[in-house]
PDB file of N, CA and C in Angstrom:
ATOM      1  N   UNK A   1     -63.958 -61.470  57.737  1.00  0.00           N
ATOM      2  CA  UNK A   1     -64.948 -62.341  58.325  1.00  0.00           C
ATOM      3  C   UNK A   1     -65.826 -62.933  57.231  1.00  0.00           C
ATOM      4  N   UNK A   2     -65.572 -64.175  56.942  1.00  0.00           N
ATOM      5  CA  UNK A   2     -66.302 -64.845  55.866  1.00  0.00           C
ATOM      6  C   UNK A   2     -67.791 -64.962  56.178  1.00  0.00           C
ATOM      7  N   UNK A   3     -68.110 -65.232  57.442  1.00  0.00           N
ATOM      8  CA  UNK A   3     -69.510 -65.418  57.807  1.00  0.00           C
ATOM      9  C   UNK A   3     -70.297 -64.121  57.634  1.00  0.00           C
ATOM     10  N   UNK A   4     -69.697 -63.002  57.994  1.00  0.00           N
ATOM     11  CA  UNK A   4     -70.363 -61.705  57.832  1.00  0.00           C
ATOM     12  C   UNK A   4     -70.660 -61.444  56.364  1.00  0.00           C
ATOM     13  N   UNK A   5     -69.705 -61.706  55.497  1.00  0.00           N
ATOM     14  CA  UNK A   5     -69.912 -61.510  54.056  1.00  0.00           C
ATOM     15  C   UNK A   5     -71.014 -62.415  53.537  1.00  0.00           C
ATOM     16  N   UNK A   6     -71.008 -63.658  54.018  1.00  0.00           N
ATOM     17  CA  UNK A   6     -72.045 -64.595  53.602  1.00  0.00           C
ATOM     18  C   UNK A   6     -73.422 -64.091  54.026  1.00  0.00           C
ATOM     19  N   UNK A   7     -73.552 -63.671  55.280  1.00  0.00           N
ATOM     20  CA  UNK A   7     -74.837 -63.158  55.766  1.00  0.00           C
ATOM     21  C   UNK A   7     -75.275 -61.940  54.960  1.00  0.00           C
ATOM     22  N   UNK A   8     -74.343 -61.045  54.728  1.00  0.00           N
ATOM     23  CA  UNK A   8     -74.646 -59.812  54.008  1.00  0.00           C
ATOM     24  C   UNK A   8     -75.134 -60.081  52.587  1.00  0.00           C
ATOM     25  N   UNK A   9     -74.567 -61.080  51.944  1.00  0.00           N
ATOM     26  CA  UNK A   9     -74.905 -61.356  50.540  1.00  0.00           C
ATOM     27  C   UNK A   9     -76.016 -62.385  50.346  1.00  0.00           C
ATOM     28  N   UNK A  10     -76.201 -63.293  51.329  1.00  0.00           N
ATOM     29  CA  UNK A  10     -77.139 -64.396  51.112  1.00  0.00           C
ATOM     30  C   UNK A  10     -78.250 -64.498  52.155  1.00  0.00           C
ATOM     31  N   UNK A  11     -78.059 -63.905  53.302  1.00  0.00           N
ATOM     32  CA  UNK A  11     -79.056 -63.954  54.375  1.00  0.00           C
ATOM     33  C   UNK A  11     -79.323 -62.526  54.842  1.00  0.00           C
ATOM     34  N   UNK A  12     -79.846 -61.723  53.939  1.00  0.00           N
ATOM     35  CA  UNK A  12     -79.961 -60.287  54.186  1.00  0.00           C
ATOM     36  C   UNK A  12     -80.877 -59.947  55.360  1.00  0.00           C
ATOM     37  N   UNK A  13     -81.946 -60.715  55.548  1.00  0.00           N
ATOM     38  CA  UNK A  13     -82.854 -60.437  56.663  1.00  0.00           C
ATOM     39  C   UNK A  13     -82.148 -60.702  57.991  1.00  0.00           C
ATOM     40  N   UNK A  14     -81.470 -61.837  58.098  1.00  0.00           N
ATOM     41  CA  UNK A  14     -80.736 -62.154  59.326  1.00  0.00           C
ATOM     42  C   UNK A  14     -79.628 -61.129  59.566  1.00  0.00           C
ATOM     43  N   UNK A  15     -78.921 -60.775  58.507  1.00  0.00           N
ATOM     44  CA  UNK A  15     -77.864 -59.762  58.612  1.00  0.00           C
ATOM     45  C   UNK A  15     -78.429 -58.456  59.168  1.00  0.00           C
ATOM     46  N   UNK A  16     -79.524 -57.985  58.594  1.00  0.00           N
ATOM     47  CA  UNK A  16     -80.139 -56.735  59.038  1.00  0.00           C
ATOM     48  C   UNK A  16     -80.633 -56.832  60.472  1.00  0.00           C
ATOM     49  N   UNK A  17     -81.254 -57.951  60.806  1.00  0.00           N
ATOM     50  CA  UNK A  17     -81.761 -58.143  62.167  1.00  0.00           C
ATOM     51  C   UNK A  17     -80.631 -58.095  63.181  1.00  0.00           C
ATOM     52  N   UNK A  18     -79.565 -58.845  62.922  1.00  0.00           N
ATOM     53  CA  UNK A  18     -78.420 -58.845  63.841  1.00  0.00           C
ATOM     54  C   UNK A  18     -77.778 -57.461  63.926  1.00  0.00           C
ATOM     55  N   UNK A  19     -77.702 -56.778  62.806  1.00  0.00           N
ATOM     56  CA  UNK A  19     -77.111 -55.444  62.778  1.00  0.00           C
ATOM     57  C   UNK A  19     -77.948 -54.463  63.604  1.00  0.00           C
ATOM     58  N   UNK A  20     -79.259 -54.481  63.407  1.00  0.00           N
ATOM     59  CA  UNK A  20     -80.155 -53.580  64.134  1.00  0.00           C
ATOM     60  C   UNK A  20     -80.116 -53.866  65.631  1.00  0.00           C
ATOM     61  N   UNK A  21     -80.041 -55.145  65.989  1.00  0.00           N
ATOM     62  CA  UNK A  21     -80.008 -55.524  67.400  1.00  0.00           C
ATOM     63  C   UNK A  21     -78.641 -55.289  68.036  1.00  0.00           C
ATOM     64  N   UNK A  22     -77.662 -54.954  67.229  1.00  0.00           N
ATOM     65  CA  UNK A  22     -76.311 -54.725  67.740  1.00  0.00           C
ATOM     66  C   UNK A  22     -75.582 -56.010  68.081  1.00  0.00           C
ATOM     67  N   UNK A  23     -76.000 -57.109  67.459  1.00  0.00           N
ATOM     68  CA  UNK A  23     -75.426 -58.419  67.770  1.00  0.00           C
ATOM     69  C   UNK A  23     -74.605 -59.006  66.618  1.00  0.00           C
ATOM     70  N   UNK A  24     -74.505 -58.274  65.526  1.00  0.00           N
ATOM     71  CA  UNK A  24     -73.842 -58.809  64.339  1.00  0.00           C
ATOM     72  C   UNK A  24     -72.386 -59.164  64.606  1.00  0.00           C
ATOM     73  N   UNK A  25     -71.633 -58.252  65.166  1.00  0.00           N
ATOM     74  CA  UNK A  25     -70.195 -58.491  65.340  1.00  0.00           C
ATOM     75  C   UNK A  25     -69.919 -59.534  66.412  1.00  0.00           C
ATOM     76  N   UNK A  26     -70.748 -59.573  67.438  1.00  0.00           N
ATOM     77  CA  UNK A  26     -70.604 -60.610  68.463  1.00  0.00           C
ATOM     78  C   UNK A  26     -70.891 -61.982  67.849  1.00  0.00           C
ATOM     79  N   UNK A  27     -71.961 -62.064  67.061  1.00  0.00           N
ATOM     80  CA  UNK A  27     -72.322 -63.318  66.399  1.00  0.00           C
ATOM     81  C   UNK A  27     -71.197 -63.787  65.471  1.00  0.00           C
ATOM     82  N   UNK A  28     -70.683 -62.872  64.660  1.00  0.00           N
ATOM     83  CA  UNK A  28     -69.618 -63.223  63.711  1.00  0.00           C
ATOM     84  C   UNK A  28     -68.339 -63.630  64.434  1.00  0.00           C
ATOM     85  N   UNK A  29     -68.032 -62.962  65.534  1.00  0.00           N
ATOM     86  CA  UNK A  29     -66.840 -63.307  66.308  1.00  0.00           C
ATOM     87  C   UNK A  29     -66.974 -64.704  66.907  1.00  0.00           C
ATOM     88  N   UNK A  30     -68.161 -65.041  67.386  1.00  0.00           N
ATOM     89  CA  UNK A  30     -68.397 -66.380  67.933  1.00  0.00           C
ATOM     90  C   UNK A  30     -68.241 -67.450  66.854  1.00  0.00           C
ATOM     91  N   UNK A  31     -68.804 -67.194  65.688  1.00  0.00           N
ATOM     92  CA  UNK A  31     -68.686 -68.149  64.575  1.00  0.00           C
ATOM     93  C   UNK A  31     -67.226 -68.284  64.164  1.00  0.00           C
ATOM     94  N   UNK A  32     -66.524 -67.177  64.125  1.00  0.00           N
ATOM     95  CA  UNK A  32     -65.105 -67.196  63.744  1.00  0.00           C
ATOM     96  C   UNK A  32     -64.280 -68.030  64.733  1.00  0.00           C
ATOM     97  N   UNK A  33     -64.560 -67.880  66.023  1.00  0.00           N
ATOM     98  CA  UNK A  33     -63.862 -68.651  67.050  1.00  0.00           C
ATOM     99  C   UNK A  33     -64.177 -70.140  66.914  1.00  0.00           C
ATOM    100  N   UNK A  34     -65.439 -70.450  66.723  1.00  0.00           N
ATOM    101  CA  UNK A  34     -65.842 -71.847  66.533  1.00  0.00           C
ATOM    102  C   UNK A  34     -65.177 -72.431  65.290  1.00  0.00           C
ATOM    103  N   UNK A  35     -65.138 -71.647  64.223  1.00  0.00           N
ATOM    104  CA  UNK A  35     -64.534 -72.104  62.968  1.00  0.00           C
ATOM    105  C   UNK A  35     -63.045 -72.392  63.144  1.00  0.00           C
ATOM    106  N   UNK A  36     -62.330 -71.504  63.831  1.00  0.00           N
ATOM    107  CA  UNK A  36     -60.893 -71.697  64.054  1.00  0.00           C
ATOM    108  C   UNK A  36     -60.653 -72.953  64.888  1.00  0.00           C
ATOM    109  N   UNK A  37     -61.448 -73.133  65.949  1.00  0.00           N
ATOM    110  CA  UNK A  37     -61.301 -74.313  66.797  1.00  0.00           C
ATOM    111  C   UNK A  37     -61.605 -75.593  66.027  1.00  0.00           C
ATOM    112  N   UNK A  38     -62.665 -75.562  65.230  1.00  0.00           N
ATOM    113  CA  UNK A  38     -63.027 -76.735  64.429  1.00  0.00           C
ATOM    114  C   UNK A  38     -61.936 -77.040  63.406  1.00  0.00           C
ATOM    115  N   UNK A  39     -61.414 -76.010  62.759  1.00  0.00           N
ATOM    116  CA  UNK A  39     -60.356 -76.170  61.761  1.00  0.00           C
ATOM    117  C   UNK A  39     -59.127 -76.830  62.389  1.00  0.00           C
ATOM    118  N   UNK A  40     -58.696 -76.293  63.535  1.00  0.00           N
ATOM    119  CA  UNK A  40     -57.516 -76.846  64.214  1.00  0.00           C
ATOM    120  C   UNK A  40     -57.726 -78.297  64.630  1.00  0.00           C
ATOM    121  N   UNK A  41     -58.912 -78.595  65.137  1.00  0.00           N
ATOM    122  CA  UNK A  41     -59.230 -79.970  65.546  1.00  0.00           C
ATOM    123  C   UNK A  41     -59.228 -80.911  64.346  1.00  0.00           C
ATOM    124  N   UNK A  42     -59.855 -80.484  63.259  1.00  0.00           N
ATOM    125  CA  UNK A  42     -59.889 -81.313  62.047  1.00  0.00           C
ATOM    126  C   UNK A  42     -58.488 -81.573  61.509  1.00  0.00           C
ATOM    127  N   UNK A  43     -57.646 -80.553  61.516  1.00  0.00           N
ATOM    128  CA  UNK A  43     -56.265 -80.712  61.036  1.00  0.00           C
ATOM    129  C   UNK A  43     -55.565 -81.805  61.839  1.00  0.00           C
ATOM    130  N   UNK A  44     -55.663 -81.722  63.150  1.00  0.00           N
ATOM    131  CA  UNK A  44     -54.996 -82.712  64.007  1.00  0.00           C
ATOM    132  C   UNK A  44     -55.568 -84.112  63.785  1.00  0.00           C
ATOM    133  N   UNK A  45     -56.875 -84.223  63.666  1.00  0.00           N
ATOM    134  CA  UNK A  45     -57.497 -85.524  63.443  1.00  0.00           C
ATOM    135  C   UNK A  45     -57.082 -86.123  62.103  1.00  0.00           C
ATOM    136  N   UNK A  46     -57.067 -85.307  61.071  1.00  0.00           N
ATOM    137  CA  UNK A  46     -56.685 -85.790  59.737  1.00  0.00           C
ATOM    138  C   UNK A  46     -55.209 -86.172  59.694  1.00  0.00           C
ATOM    139  N   UNK A  47     -54.365 -85.378  60.339  1.00  0.00           N
ATOM    140  CA  UNK A  47     -52.939 -85.712  60.392  1.00  0.00           C
ATOM    141  C   UNK A  47     -52.735 -87.067  61.061  1.00  0.00           C
ATOM    142  N   UNK A  48     -53.414 -87.299  62.148  1.00  0.00           N
ATOM    143  CA  UNK A  48     -53.304 -88.566  62.867  1.00  0.00           C
ATOM    144  C   UNK A  48     -53.824 -89.711  62.005  1.00  0.00           C
ATOM    145  N   UNK A  49     -54.984 -89.521  61.401  1.00  0.00           N
ATOM    146  CA  UNK A  49     -55.602 -90.571  60.588  1.00  0.00           C
ATOM    147  C   UNK A  49     -54.753 -90.940  59.377  1.00  0.00           C
ATOM    148  N   UNK A  50     -54.030 -89.960  58.838  1.00  0.00           N
ATOM    149  CA  UNK A  50     -53.234 -90.193  57.634  1.00  0.00           C
ATOM    150  C   UNK A  50     -51.758 -90.429  57.927  1.00  0.00           C
ATOM    151  N   UNK A  51     -51.414 -90.471  59.192  1.00  0.00           N
ATOM    152  CA  UNK A  51     -50.037 -90.781  59.567  1.00  0.00           C
ATOM    153  C   UNK A  51     -49.028 -89.700  59.238  1.00  0.00           C
ATOM    154  N   UNK A  52     -49.459 -88.456  59.247  1.00  0.00           N
ATOM    155  CA  UNK A  52     -48.558 -87.338  58.972  1.00  0.00           C
ATOM    156  C   UNK A  52     -47.840 -86.980  60.273  1.00  0.00           C
ATOM    157  N   UNK A  53     -46.522 -87.123  60.250  1.00  0.00           N
ATOM    158  CA  UNK A  53     -45.730 -86.911  61.462  1.00  0.00           C
ATOM    159  C   UNK A  53     -44.587 -85.941  61.208  1.00  0.00           C
ATOM    160  N   UNK A  54     -43.962 -85.534  62.292  1.00  0.00           N
ATOM    161  CA  UNK A  54     -42.773 -84.685  62.183  1.00  0.00           C
ATOM    162  C   UNK A  54     -41.632 -85.467  61.520  1.00  0.00           C
ATOM    163  N   UNK A  55     -41.636 -86.769  61.692  1.00  0.00           N
ATOM    164  CA  UNK A  55     -40.625 -87.621  61.054  1.00  0.00           C
ATOM    165  C   UNK A  55     -40.752 -87.546  59.532  1.00  0.00           C
ATOM    166  N   UNK A  56     -41.990 -87.580  59.030  1.00  0.00           N
ATOM    167  CA  UNK A  56     -42.221 -87.435  57.591  1.00  0.00           C
ATOM    168  C   UNK A  56     -41.733 -86.061  57.137  1.00  0.00           C
ATOM    169  N   UNK A  57     -41.996 -85.050  57.919  1.00  0.00           N
ATOM    170  CA  UNK A  57     -41.568 -83.689  57.591  1.00  0.00           C
ATOM    171  C   UNK A  57     -40.047 -83.604  57.478  1.00  0.00           C
ATOM    172  N   UNK A  58     -39.361 -84.283  58.358  1.00  0.00           N
ATOM    173  CA  UNK A  58     -37.894 -84.274  58.345  1.00  0.00           C
ATOM    174  C   UNK A  58     -37.326 -85.028  57.148  1.00  0.00           C
ATOM    175  N   UNK A  59     -37.963 -86.153  56.788  1.00  0.00           N
ATOM    176  CA  UNK A  59     -37.413 -87.020  55.740  1.00  0.00           C
ATOM    177  C   UNK A  59     -37.885 -86.682  54.332  1.00  0.00           C
ATOM    178  N   UNK A  60     -39.087 -86.135  54.218  1.00  0.00           N
ATOM    179  CA  UNK A  60     -39.618 -85.843  52.885  1.00  0.00           C
ATOM    180  C   UNK A  60     -40.511 -84.600  52.969  1.00  0.00           C
ATOM    181  N   UNK A  61     -39.875 -83.445  52.951  1.00  0.00           N
ATOM    182  CA  UNK A  61     -40.613 -82.196  53.127  1.00  0.00           C
ATOM    183  C   UNK A  61     -41.649 -81.948  52.047  1.00  0.00           C
ATOM    184  N   UNK A  62     -41.329 -82.269  50.809  1.00  0.00           N
ATOM    185  CA  UNK A  62     -42.272 -82.007  49.721  1.00  0.00           C
ATOM    186  C   UNK A  62     -43.537 -82.832  49.872  1.00  0.00           C
ATOM    187  N   UNK A  63     -43.398 -84.088  50.231  1.00  0.00           N
ATOM    188  CA  UNK A  63     -44.575 -84.929  50.446  1.00  0.00           C
ATOM    189  C   UNK A  63     -45.397 -84.390  51.617  1.00  0.00           C
ATOM    190  N   UNK A  64     -44.701 -83.991  52.692  1.00  0.00           N
ATOM    191  CA  UNK A  64     -45.382 -83.450  53.862  1.00  0.00           C
ATOM    192  C   UNK A  64     -46.172 -82.193  53.494  1.00  0.00           C
ATOM    193  N   UNK A  65     -45.569 -81.303  52.712  1.00  0.00           N
ATOM    194  CA  UNK A  65     -46.241 -80.070  52.290  1.00  0.00           C
ATOM    195  C   UNK A  65     -47.473 -80.392  51.454  1.00  0.00           C
ATOM    196  N   UNK A  66     -47.353 -81.312  50.515  1.00  0.00           N
ATOM    197  CA  UNK A  66     -48.496 -81.688  49.681  1.00  0.00           C
ATOM    198  C   UNK A  66     -49.640 -82.253  50.516  1.00  0.00           C
ATOM    199  N   UNK A  67     -49.320 -83.143  51.413  1.00  0.00           N
ATOM    200  CA  UNK A  67     -50.342 -83.752  52.260  1.00  0.00           C
ATOM    201  C   UNK A  67     -50.992 -82.699  53.150  1.00  0.00           C
ATOM    202  N   UNK A  68     -50.181 -81.832  53.744  1.00  0.00           N
ATOM    203  CA  UNK A  68     -50.722 -80.806  54.636  1.00  0.00           C
ATOM    204  C   UNK A  68     -51.607 -79.813  53.894  1.00  0.00           C
ATOM    205  N   UNK A  69     -51.234 -79.436  52.700  1.00  0.00           N
ATOM    206  CA  UNK A  69     -52.080 -78.524  51.901  1.00  0.00           C
ATOM    207  C   UNK A  69     -53.420 -79.179  51.595  1.00  0.00           C
ATOM    208  N   UNK A  70     -53.387 -80.454  51.266  1.00  0.00           N
ATOM    209  CA  UNK A  70     -54.609 -81.190  50.991  1.00  0.00           C
ATOM    210  C   UNK A  70     -55.488 -81.271  52.241  1.00  0.00           C
ATOM    211  N   UNK A  71     -54.883 -81.575  53.361  1.00  0.00           N
ATOM    212  CA  UNK A  71     -55.620 -81.647  54.625  1.00  0.00           C
ATOM    213  C   UNK A  71     -56.235 -80.287  54.957  1.00  0.00           C
ATOM    214  N   UNK A  72     -55.474 -79.221  54.805  1.00  0.00           N
ATOM    215  CA  UNK A  72     -55.977 -77.884  55.110  1.00  0.00           C
ATOM    216  C   UNK A  72     -57.136 -77.498  54.200  1.00  0.00           C
ATOM    217  N   UNK A  73     -57.054 -77.843  52.935  1.00  0.00           N
ATOM    218  CA  UNK A  73     -58.140 -77.546  51.999  1.00  0.00           C
ATOM    219  C   UNK A  73     -59.409 -78.297  52.382  1.00  0.00           C
ATOM    220  N   UNK A  74     -59.254 -79.582  52.719  1.00  0.00           N
ATOM    221  CA  UNK A  74     -60.424 -80.374  53.117  1.00  0.00           C
ATOM    222  C   UNK A  74     -61.031 -79.849  54.411  1.00  0.00           C
ATOM    223  N   UNK A  75     -60.191 -79.514  55.371  1.00  0.00           N
ATOM    224  CA  UNK A  75     -60.678 -78.987  56.649  1.00  0.00           C
ATOM    225  C   UNK A  75     -61.401 -77.657  56.422  1.00  0.00           C
ATOM    226  N   UNK A  76     -60.850 -76.817  55.569  1.00  0.00           N
ATOM    227  CA  UNK A  76     -61.479 -75.533  55.266  1.00  0.00           C
ATOM    228  C   UNK A  76     -62.855 -75.729  54.629  1.00  0.00           C
ATOM    229  N   UNK A  77     -62.969 -76.673  53.711  1.00  0.00           N
ATOM    230  CA  UNK A  77     -64.255 -76.953  53.068  1.00  0.00           C
ATOM    231  C   UNK A  77     -65.290 -77.416  54.089  1.00  0.00           C
ATOM    232  N   UNK A  78     -64.880 -78.269  55.003  1.00  0.00           N
ATOM    233  CA  UNK A  78     -65.794 -78.769  56.034  1.00  0.00           C
ATOM    234  C   UNK A  78     -66.257 -77.637  56.938  1.00  0.00           C
ATOM    235  N   UNK A  79     -65.334 -76.814  57.381  1.00  0.00           N
ATOM    236  CA  UNK A  79     -65.668 -75.690  58.266  1.00  0.00           C
ATOM    237  C   UNK A  79     -66.623 -74.728  57.558  1.00  0.00           C
ATOM    238  N   UNK A  80     -66.335 -74.413  56.322  1.00  0.00           N
ATOM    239  CA  UNK A  80     -67.208 -73.498  55.579  1.00  0.00           C
ATOM    240  C   UNK A  80     -68.607 -74.078  55.427  1.00  0.00           C
ATOM    241  N   UNK A  81     -68.684 -75.344  55.088  1.00  0.00           N
ATOM    242  CA  UNK A  81     -69.981 -75.981  54.883  1.00  0.00           C
ATOM    243  C   UNK A  81     -70.784 -76.069  56.183  1.00  0.00           C
ATOM    244  N   UNK A  82     -70.122 -76.371  57.290  1.00  0.00           N
ATOM    245  CA  UNK A  82     -70.843 -76.607  58.537  1.00  0.00           C
ATOM    246  C   UNK A  82     -71.022 -75.382  59.422  1.00  0.00           C
ATOM    247  N   UNK A  83     -70.166 -74.360  59.265  1.00  0.00           N
ATOM    248  CA  UNK A  83     -70.273 -73.187  60.150  1.00  0.00           C
ATOM    249  C   UNK A  83     -70.439 -71.867  59.410  1.00  0.00           C
ATOM    250  N   UNK A  84     -69.676 -71.654  58.398  1.00  0.00           N
ATOM    251  CA  UNK A  84     -69.648 -70.330  57.763  1.00  0.00           C
ATOM    252  C   UNK A  84     -70.870 -70.107  56.866  1.00  0.00           C
ATOM    253  N   UNK A  85     -71.162 -71.072  56.009  1.00  0.00           N
ATOM    254  CA  UNK A  85     -72.247 -70.895  55.044  1.00  0.00           C
ATOM    255  C   UNK A  85     -73.550 -71.550  55.521  1.00  0.00           C
ATOM    256  N   UNK A  86     -73.941 -71.181  56.734  1.00  0.00           N
ATOM    257  CA  UNK A  86     -75.180 -71.730  57.306  1.00  0.00           C
ATOM    258  C   UNK A  86     -76.147 -70.609  57.556  1.00  0.00           C
TER     259      UNK A  86
END
């Protein structure tokens, strides 16, 4: 859980408060679910915007892999910035 590690190392008061209240794991699970949903949505939006299709995958796998890795990295950065490291 990236968010839990972030809270533990950078937001110690919030981490302690959530832990004492017994809400830490529920909070982290909610953030994790939101992050996964946001990541999946961003991937689909970026694929559509950049014209990445199954046809490209069939005809040029290496190009498809490169584009998809780039999209996944960008989506991960956005999710971390907007949800995980807040």
